[in-house]
Amino acid sequence: ASVAASPAAAQAGEPTGAGAGAAAGSAA
């Protein structure tokens, strides 16, 4: 899974890329 995060999300320290996909999968 590829994630295109906004600059605000990057500054807030949110996970991007495969890490965000894995986090979303675990949350689901």
mmCIF file of all heavy atoms, coordinates in Angstrom:
data_MODEL
# 
_entry.id   MODEL 
# 
loop_
_atom_site.group_PDB 
_atom_site.id 
_atom_site.type_symbol 
_atom_site.label_atom_id 
_atom_site.label_alt_id 
_atom_site.label_comp_id 
_atom_site.label_asym_id 
_atom_site.label_entity_id 
_atom_site.label_seq_id 
_atom_site.pdbx_PDB_ins_code 
_atom_site.Cartn_x 
_atom_site.Cartn_y 
_atom_site.Cartn_z 
_atom_site.occupancy 
_atom_site.B_iso_or_equiv 
_atom_site.pdbx_formal_charge 
_atom_site.auth_seq_id 
_atom_site.auth_comp_id 
_atom_site.auth_asym_id 
_atom_site.auth_atom_id 
_atom_site.pdbx_PDB_model_num 
ATOM 1   N N   . ALA A 1 1  ? 0.858   -1.181 0.000  1.00 0.00 ? 1  ALA A N   1 
ATOM 2   C CA  . ALA A 1 1  ? 0.000   0.000  0.000  1.00 0.00 ? 1  ALA A CA  1 
ATOM 3   C C   . ALA A 1 1  ? 0.884   1.217  0.000  1.00 0.00 ? 1  ALA A C   1 
ATOM 4   O O   . ALA A 1 1  ? 1.856   1.297  0.737  1.00 0.00 ? 1  ALA A O   1 
ATOM 5   C CB  . ALA A 1 1  ? -0.903  -0.005 1.229  1.00 0.00 ? 1  ALA A CB  1 
ATOM 6   N N   . SER A 1 2  ? 0.536   2.205  -0.837 1.00 0.00 ? 2  SER A N   1 
ATOM 7   C CA  . SER A 1 2  ? 1.310   3.449  -0.901 1.00 0.00 ? 2  SER A CA  1 
ATOM 8   C C   . SER A 1 2  ? 0.452   4.568  -0.371 1.00 0.00 ? 2  SER A C   1 
ATOM 9   O O   . SER A 1 2  ? -0.718  4.657  -0.708 1.00 0.00 ? 2  SER A O   1 
ATOM 10  C CB  . SER A 1 2  ? 1.716   3.747  -2.351 1.00 0.00 ? 2  SER A CB  1 
ATOM 11  O OG  . SER A 1 2  ? 0.574   3.893  -3.156 1.00 0.00 ? 2  SER A OG  1 
ATOM 12  N N   . VAL A 1 3  ? 1.024   5.458  0.446  1.00 0.00 ? 3  VAL A N   1 
ATOM 13  C CA  . VAL A 1 3  ? 0.280   6.530  1.085  1.00 0.00 ? 3  VAL A CA  1 
ATOM 14  C C   . VAL A 1 3  ? 0.937   7.843  0.753  1.00 0.00 ? 3  VAL A C   1 
ATOM 15  O O   . VAL A 1 3  ? 2.131   8.009  0.951  1.00 0.00 ? 3  VAL A O   1 
ATOM 16  C CB  . VAL A 1 3  ? 0.246   6.340  2.630  1.00 0.00 ? 3  VAL A CB  1 
ATOM 17  C CG1 . VAL A 1 3  ? -0.504  7.466  3.277  1.00 0.00 ? 3  VAL A CG1 1 
ATOM 18  C CG2 . VAL A 1 3  ? -0.372  4.998  2.961  1.00 0.00 ? 3  VAL A CG2 1 
ATOM 19  N N   . ALA A 1 4  ? 0.135   8.796  0.254  1.00 0.00 ? 4  ALA A N   1 
ATOM 20  C CA  . ALA A 1 4  ? 0.643   10.140 -0.007 1.00 0.00 ? 4  ALA A CA  1 
ATOM 21  C C   . ALA A 1 4  ? 0.105   11.027 1.079  1.00 0.00 ? 4  ALA A C   1 
ATOM 22  O O   . ALA A 1 4  ? -1.044  11.437 1.038  1.00 0.00 ? 4  ALA A O   1 
ATOM 23  C CB  . ALA A 1 4  ? 0.179   10.619 -1.389 1.00 0.00 ? 4  ALA A CB  1 
ATOM 24  N N   . ALA A 1 5  ? 0.897   11.338 2.078  1.00 0.00 ? 5  ALA A N   1 
ATOM 25  C CA  . ALA A 1 5  ? 0.445   12.113 3.232  1.00 0.00 ? 5  ALA A CA  1 
ATOM 26  C C   . ALA A 1 5  ? 0.698   13.586 2.993  1.00 0.00 ? 5  ALA A C   1 
ATOM 27  O O   . ALA A 1 5  ? 1.594   13.972 2.261  1.00 0.00 ? 5  ALA A O   1 
ATOM 28  C CB  . ALA A 1 5  ? 1.177   11.649 4.489  1.00 0.00 ? 5  ALA A CB  1 
ATOM 29  N N   . SER A 1 6  ? -0.091  14.438 3.643  1.00 0.00 ? 6  SER A N   1 
ATOM 30  C CA  . SER A 1 6  ? 0.085   15.872 3.522  1.00 0.00 ? 6  SER A CA  1 
ATOM 31  C C   . SER A 1 6  ? 1.275   16.323 4.349  1.00 0.00 ? 6  SER A C   1 
ATOM 32  O O   . SER A 1 6  ? 1.711   15.632 5.265  1.00 0.00 ? 6  SER A O   1 
ATOM 33  C CB  . SER A 1 6  ? -1.190  16.566 4.022  1.00 0.00 ? 6  SER A CB  1 
ATOM 34  O OG  . SER A 1 6  ? -1.346  16.297 5.396  1.00 0.00 ? 6  SER A OG  1 
ATOM 35  N N   . PRO A 1 7  ? 1.829   17.544 4.052  1.00 0.00 ? 7  PRO A N   1 
ATOM 36  C CA  . PRO A 1 7  ? 2.955   18.047 4.855  1.00 0.00 ? 7  PRO A CA  1 
ATOM 37  C C   . PRO A 1 7  ? 2.593   18.192 6.319  1.00 0.00 ? 7  PRO A C   1 
ATOM 38  O O   . PRO A 1 7  ? 3.410   17.975 7.205  1.00 0.00 ? 7  PRO A O   1 
ATOM 39  C CB  . PRO A 1 7  ? 3.264   19.416 4.214  1.00 0.00 ? 7  PRO A CB  1 
ATOM 40  C CG  . PRO A 1 7  ? 2.700   19.331 2.837  1.00 0.00 ? 7  PRO A CG  1 
ATOM 41  C CD  . PRO A 1 7  ? 1.528   18.421 2.907  1.00 0.00 ? 7  PRO A CD  1 
ATOM 42  N N   . ALA A 1 8  ? 1.325   18.543 6.593  1.00 0.00 ? 8  ALA A N   1 
ATOM 43  C CA  . ALA A 1 8  ? 0.932   18.692 7.994  1.00 0.00 ? 8  ALA A CA  1 
ATOM 44  C C   . ALA A 1 8  ? 0.999   17.367 8.713  1.00 0.00 ? 8  ALA A C   1 
ATOM 45  O O   . ALA A 1 8  ? 1.393   17.276 9.873  1.00 0.00 ? 8  ALA A O   1 
ATOM 46  C CB  . ALA A 1 8  ? -0.498  19.249 8.069  1.00 0.00 ? 8  ALA A CB  1 
ATOM 47  N N   . ALA A 1 9  ? 0.610   16.279 8.021  1.00 0.00 ? 9  ALA A N   1 
ATOM 48  C CA  . ALA A 1 9  ? 0.661   14.955 8.641  1.00 0.00 ? 9  ALA A CA  1 
ATOM 49  C C   . ALA A 1 9  ? 2.095   14.540 8.891  1.00 0.00 ? 9  ALA A C   1 
ATOM 50  O O   . ALA A 1 9  ? 2.422   13.899 9.887  1.00 0.00 ? 9  ALA A O   1 
ATOM 51  C CB  . ALA A 1 9  ? -0.042  13.936 7.748  1.00 0.00 ? 9  ALA A CB  1 
ATOM 52  N N   . ALA A 1 10 ? 2.992   14.891 7.962  1.00 0.00 ? 10 ALA A N   1 
ATOM 53  C CA  . ALA A 1 10 ? 4.401   14.535 8.140  1.00 0.00 ? 10 ALA A CA  1 
ATOM 54  C C   . ALA A 1 10 ? 5.000   15.263 9.325  1.00 0.00 ? 10 ALA A C   1 
ATOM 55  O O   . ALA A 1 10 ? 5.776   14.720 10.099 1.00 0.00 ? 10 ALA A O   1 
ATOM 56  C CB  . ALA A 1 10 ? 5.180   14.877 6.861  1.00 0.00 ? 10 ALA A CB  1 
ATOM 57  N N   . GLN A 1 11 ? 4.608   16.569 9.486  1.00 0.00 ? 11 GLN A N   1 
ATOM 58  C CA  . GLN A 1 11 ? 5.138   17.325 10.621 1.00 0.00 ? 11 GLN A CA  1 
ATOM 59  C C   . GLN A 1 11 ? 4.597   16.784 11.926 1.00 0.00 ? 11 GLN A C   1 
ATOM 60  O O   . GLN A 1 11 ? 5.247   16.830 12.958 1.00 0.00 ? 11 GLN A O   1 
ATOM 61  C CB  . GLN A 1 11 ? 4.756   18.803 10.479 1.00 0.00 ? 11 GLN A CB  1 
ATOM 62  C CG  . GLN A 1 11 ? 5.507   19.477 9.315  1.00 0.00 ? 11 GLN A CG  1 
ATOM 63  C CD  . GLN A 1 11 ? 5.061   20.922 9.149  1.00 0.00 ? 11 GLN A CD  1 
ATOM 64  O OE1 . GLN A 1 11 ? 4.249   21.405 9.908  1.00 0.00 ? 11 GLN A OE1 1 
ATOM 65  N NE2 . GLN A 1 11 ? 5.628   21.591 8.156  1.00 0.00 ? 11 GLN A NE2 1 
ATOM 66  N N   . ALA A 1 12 ? 3.340   16.271 11.924 1.00 0.00 ? 12 ALA A N   1 
ATOM 67  C CA  . ALA A 1 12 ? 2.744   15.769 13.157 1.00 0.00 ? 12 ALA A CA  1 
ATOM 68  C C   . ALA A 1 12 ? 3.292   14.419 13.554 1.00 0.00 ? 12 ALA A C   1 
ATOM 69  O O   . ALA A 1 12 ? 2.962   13.890 14.603 1.00 0.00 ? 12 ALA A O   1 
ATOM 70  C CB  . ALA A 1 12 ? 1.218   15.668 13.000 1.00 0.00 ? 12 ALA A CB  1 
ATOM 71  N N   . GLY A 1 13 ? 4.127   13.811 12.690 1.00 0.00 ? 13 GLY A N   1 
ATOM 72  C CA  . GLY A 1 13 ? 4.734   12.533 13.037 1.00 0.00 ? 13 GLY A CA  1 
ATOM 73  C C   . GLY A 1 13 ? 3.853   11.353 12.725 1.00 0.00 ? 13 GLY A C   1 
ATOM 74  O O   . GLY A 1 13 ? 3.995   10.297 13.316 1.00 0.00 ? 13 GLY A O   1 
ATOM 75  N N   . GLU A 1 14 ? 2.857   11.519 11.789 1.00 0.00 ? 14 GLU A N   1 
ATOM 76  C CA  . GLU A 1 14 ? 1.994   10.400 11.447 1.00 0.00 ? 14 GLU A CA  1 
ATOM 77  C C   . GLU A 1 14 ? 2.756   9.439  10.555 1.00 0.00 ? 14 GLU A C   1 
ATOM 78  O O   . GLU A 1 14 ? 3.548   9.837  9.713  1.00 0.00 ? 14 GLU A O   1 
ATOM 79  C CB  . GLU A 1 14 ? 0.740   10.911 10.726 1.00 0.00 ? 14 GLU A CB  1 
ATOM 80  C CG  . GLU A 1 14 ? -0.149  11.779 11.630 1.00 0.00 ? 14 GLU A CG  1 
ATOM 81  C CD  . GLU A 1 14 ? -1.370  12.271 10.885 1.00 0.00 ? 14 GLU A CD  1 
ATOM 82  O OE1 . GLU A 1 14 ? -1.458  11.981 9.680  1.00 0.00 ? 14 GLU A OE1 1 
ATOM 83  O OE2 . GLU A 1 14 ? -2.208  12.938 11.500 1.00 0.00 ? 14 GLU A OE2 1 
ATOM 84  N N   . PRO A 1 15 ? 2.479   8.116  10.654 1.00 0.00 ? 15 PRO A N   1 
ATOM 85  C CA  . PRO A 1 15 ? 3.183   7.143  9.827  1.00 0.00 ? 15 PRO A CA  1 
ATOM 86  C C   . PRO A 1 15 ? 2.765   7.259  8.376  1.00 0.00 ? 15 PRO A C   1 
ATOM 87  O O   . PRO A 1 15 ? 1.613   7.551  8.071  1.00 0.00 ? 15 PRO A O   1 
ATOM 88  C CB  . PRO A 1 15 ? 2.733   5.801  10.413 1.00 0.00 ? 15 PRO A CB  1 
ATOM 89  C CG  . PRO A 1 15 ? 1.433   6.090  11.094 1.00 0.00 ? 15 PRO A CG  1 
ATOM 90  C CD  . PRO A 1 15 ? 1.532   7.498  11.578 1.00 0.00 ? 15 PRO A CD  1 
ATOM 91  N N   . THR A 1 16 ? 3.725   7.090  7.497  1.00 0.00 ? 16 THR A N   1 
ATOM 92  C CA  . THR A 1 16 ? 3.456   7.154  6.071  1.00 0.00 ? 16 THR A CA  1 
ATOM 93  C C   . THR A 1 16 ? 3.949   5.875  5.418  1.00 0.00 ? 16 THR A C   1 
ATOM 94  O O   . THR A 1 16 ? 4.674   5.090  6.008  1.00 0.00 ? 16 THR A O   1 
ATOM 95  C CB  . THR A 1 16 ? 4.180   8.358  5.430  1.00 0.00 ? 16 THR A CB  1 
ATOM 96  O OG1 . THR A 1 16 ? 5.571   8.238  5.692  1.00 0.00 ? 16 THR A OG1 1 
ATOM 97  C CG2 . THR A 1 16 ? 3.673   9.676  6.010  1.00 0.00 ? 16 THR A CG2 1 
ATOM 98  N N   . GLY A 1 17 ? 3.544   5.686  4.156  1.00 0.00 ? 17 GLY A N   1 
ATOM 99  C CA  . GLY A 1 17 ? 4.024   4.541  3.390  1.00 0.00 ? 17 GLY A CA  1 
ATOM 100 C C   . GLY A 1 17 ? 3.447   3.244  3.904  1.00 0.00 ? 17 GLY A C   1 
ATOM 101 O O   . GLY A 1 17 ? 2.308   3.152  4.332  1.00 0.00 ? 17 GLY A O   1 
ATOM 102 N N   . ALA A 1 18 ? 4.261   2.179  3.853  1.00 0.00 ? 18 ALA A N   1 
ATOM 103 C CA  . ALA A 1 18 ? 3.809   0.844  4.243  1.00 0.00 ? 18 ALA A CA  1 
ATOM 104 C C   . ALA A 1 18 ? 3.464   0.796  5.724  1.00 0.00 ? 18 ALA A C   1 
ATOM 105 O O   . ALA A 1 18 ? 2.607   0.032  6.155  1.00 0.00 ? 18 ALA A O   1 
ATOM 106 C CB  . ALA A 1 18 ? 4.885   -0.187 3.929  1.00 0.00 ? 18 ALA A CB  1 
ATOM 107 N N   . GLY A 1 19 ? 4.139   1.644  6.544  1.00 0.00 ? 19 GLY A N   1 
ATOM 108 C CA  . GLY A 1 19 ? 3.850   1.664  7.987  1.00 0.00 ? 19 GLY A CA  1 
ATOM 109 C C   . GLY A 1 19 ? 2.421   2.092  8.248  1.00 0.00 ? 19 GLY A C   1 
ATOM 110 O O   . GLY A 1 19 ? 1.734   1.540  9.097  1.00 0.00 ? 19 GLY A O   1 
ATOM 111 N N   . ALA A 1 20 ? 1.943   3.127  7.491  1.00 0.00 ? 20 ALA A N   1 
ATOM 112 C CA  . ALA A 1 20 ? 0.568   3.580  7.669  1.00 0.00 ? 20 ALA A CA  1 
ATOM 113 C C   . ALA A 1 20 ? -0.400  2.509  7.222  1.00 0.00 ? 20 ALA A C   1 
ATOM 114 O O   . ALA A 1 20 ? -1.459  2.311  7.819  1.00 0.00 ? 20 ALA A O   1 
ATOM 115 C CB  . ALA A 1 20 ? 0.340   4.871  6.865  1.00 0.00 ? 20 ALA A CB  1 
ATOM 116 N N   . GLY A 1 21 ? -0.061  1.805  6.130  1.00 0.00 ? 21 GLY A N   1 
ATOM 117 C CA  . GLY A 1 21 ? -0.946  0.737  5.665  1.00 0.00 ? 21 GLY A CA  1 
ATOM 118 C C   . GLY A 1 21 ? -1.067  -0.361 6.694  1.00 0.00 ? 21 GLY A C   1 
ATOM 119 O O   . GLY A 1 21 ? -2.149  -0.897 6.939  1.00 0.00 ? 21 GLY A O   1 
ATOM 120 N N   . ALA A 1 22 ? 0.052   -0.728 7.322  1.00 0.00 ? 22 ALA A N   1 
ATOM 121 C CA  . ALA A 1 22 ? 0.013   -1.769 8.350  1.00 0.00 ? 22 ALA A CA  1 
ATOM 122 C C   . ALA A 1 22 ? -0.787  -1.310 9.559  1.00 0.00 ? 22 ALA A C   1 
ATOM 123 O O   . ALA A 1 22 ? -1.549  -2.082 10.162 1.00 0.00 ? 22 ALA A O   1 
ATOM 124 C CB  . ALA A 1 22 ? 1.441   -2.140 8.770  1.00 0.00 ? 22 ALA A CB  1 
ATOM 125 N N   . ALA A 1 23 ? -0.607  -0.012 9.932  1.00 0.00 ? 23 ALA A N   1 
ATOM 126 C CA  . ALA A 1 23 ? -1.348  0.513  11.082 1.00 0.00 ? 23 ALA A CA  1 
ATOM 127 C C   . ALA A 1 23 ? -2.838  0.511  10.795 1.00 0.00 ? 23 ALA A C   1 
ATOM 128 O O   . ALA A 1 23 ? -3.658  0.176  11.652 1.00 0.00 ? 23 ALA A O   1 
ATOM 129 C CB  . ALA A 1 23 ? -0.874  1.940  11.411 1.00 0.00 ? 23 ALA A CB  1 
ATOM 130 N N   . ALA A 1 24 ? -3.214  0.900  9.551  1.00 0.00 ? 24 ALA A N   1 
ATOM 131 C CA  . ALA A 1 24 ? -4.628  0.905  9.189  1.00 0.00 ? 24 ALA A CA  1 
ATOM 132 C C   . ALA A 1 24 ? -5.184  -0.503 9.213  1.00 0.00 ? 24 ALA A C   1 
ATOM 133 O O   . ALA A 1 24 ? -6.322  -0.744 9.641  1.00 0.00 ? 24 ALA A O   1 
ATOM 134 C CB  . ALA A 1 24 ? -4.816  1.531  7.808  1.00 0.00 ? 24 ALA A CB  1 
ATOM 135 N N   . GLY A 1 25 ? -4.375  -1.473 8.748  1.00 0.00 ? 25 GLY A N   1 
ATOM 136 C CA  . GLY A 1 25 ? -4.836  -2.866 8.755  1.00 0.00 ? 25 GLY A CA  1 
ATOM 137 C C   . GLY A 1 25 ? -5.054  -3.381 10.155 1.00 0.00 ? 25 GLY A C   1 
ATOM 138 O O   . GLY A 1 25 ? -6.036  -4.066 10.450 1.00 0.00 ? 25 GLY A O   1 
ATOM 139 N N   . SER A 1 26 ? -4.124  -3.047 11.070 1.00 0.00 ? 26 SER A N   1 
ATOM 140 C CA  . SER A 1 26 ? -4.272  -3.513 12.454 1.00 0.00 ? 26 SER A CA  1 
ATOM 141 C C   . SER A 1 26 ? -5.456  -2.844 13.125 1.00 0.00 ? 26 SER A C   1 
ATOM 142 O O   . SER A 1 26 ? -6.150  -3.456 13.925 1.00 0.00 ? 26 SER A O   1 
ATOM 143 C CB  . SER A 1 26 ? -2.993  -3.232 13.242 1.00 0.00 ? 26 SER A CB  1 
ATOM 144 O OG  . SER A 1 26 ? -2.735  -1.838 13.269 1.00 0.00 ? 26 SER A OG  1 
ATOM 145 N N   . ALA A 1 27 ? -5.705  -1.553 12.806 1.00 0.00 ? 27 ALA A N   1 
ATOM 146 C CA  . ALA A 1 27 ? -6.851  -0.857 13.391 1.00 0.00 ? 27 ALA A CA  1 
ATOM 147 C C   . ALA A 1 27 ? -8.151  -1.477 12.894 1.00 0.00 ? 27 ALA A C   1 
ATOM 148 O O   . ALA A 1 27 ? -9.110  -1.638 13.648 1.00 0.00 ? 27 ALA A O   1 
ATOM 149 C CB  . ALA A 1 27 ? -6.813  0.630  13.028 1.00 0.00 ? 27 ALA A CB  1 
ATOM 150 N N   . ALA A 1 28 ? -8.198  -1.836 11.599 1.00 0.00 ? 28 ALA A N   1 
ATOM 151 C CA  . ALA A 1 28 ? -9.407  -2.455 11.066 1.00 0.00 ? 28 ALA A CA  1 
ATOM 152 C C   . ALA A 1 28 ? -9.646  -3.815 11.699 1.00 0.00 ? 28 ALA A C   1 
ATOM 153 O O   . ALA A 1 28 ? -10.775 -4.204 11.995 1.00 0.00 ? 28 ALA A O   1 
ATOM 154 C CB  . ALA A 1 28 ? -9.286  -2.597 9.548  1.00 0.00 ? 28 ALA A CB  1 
# 
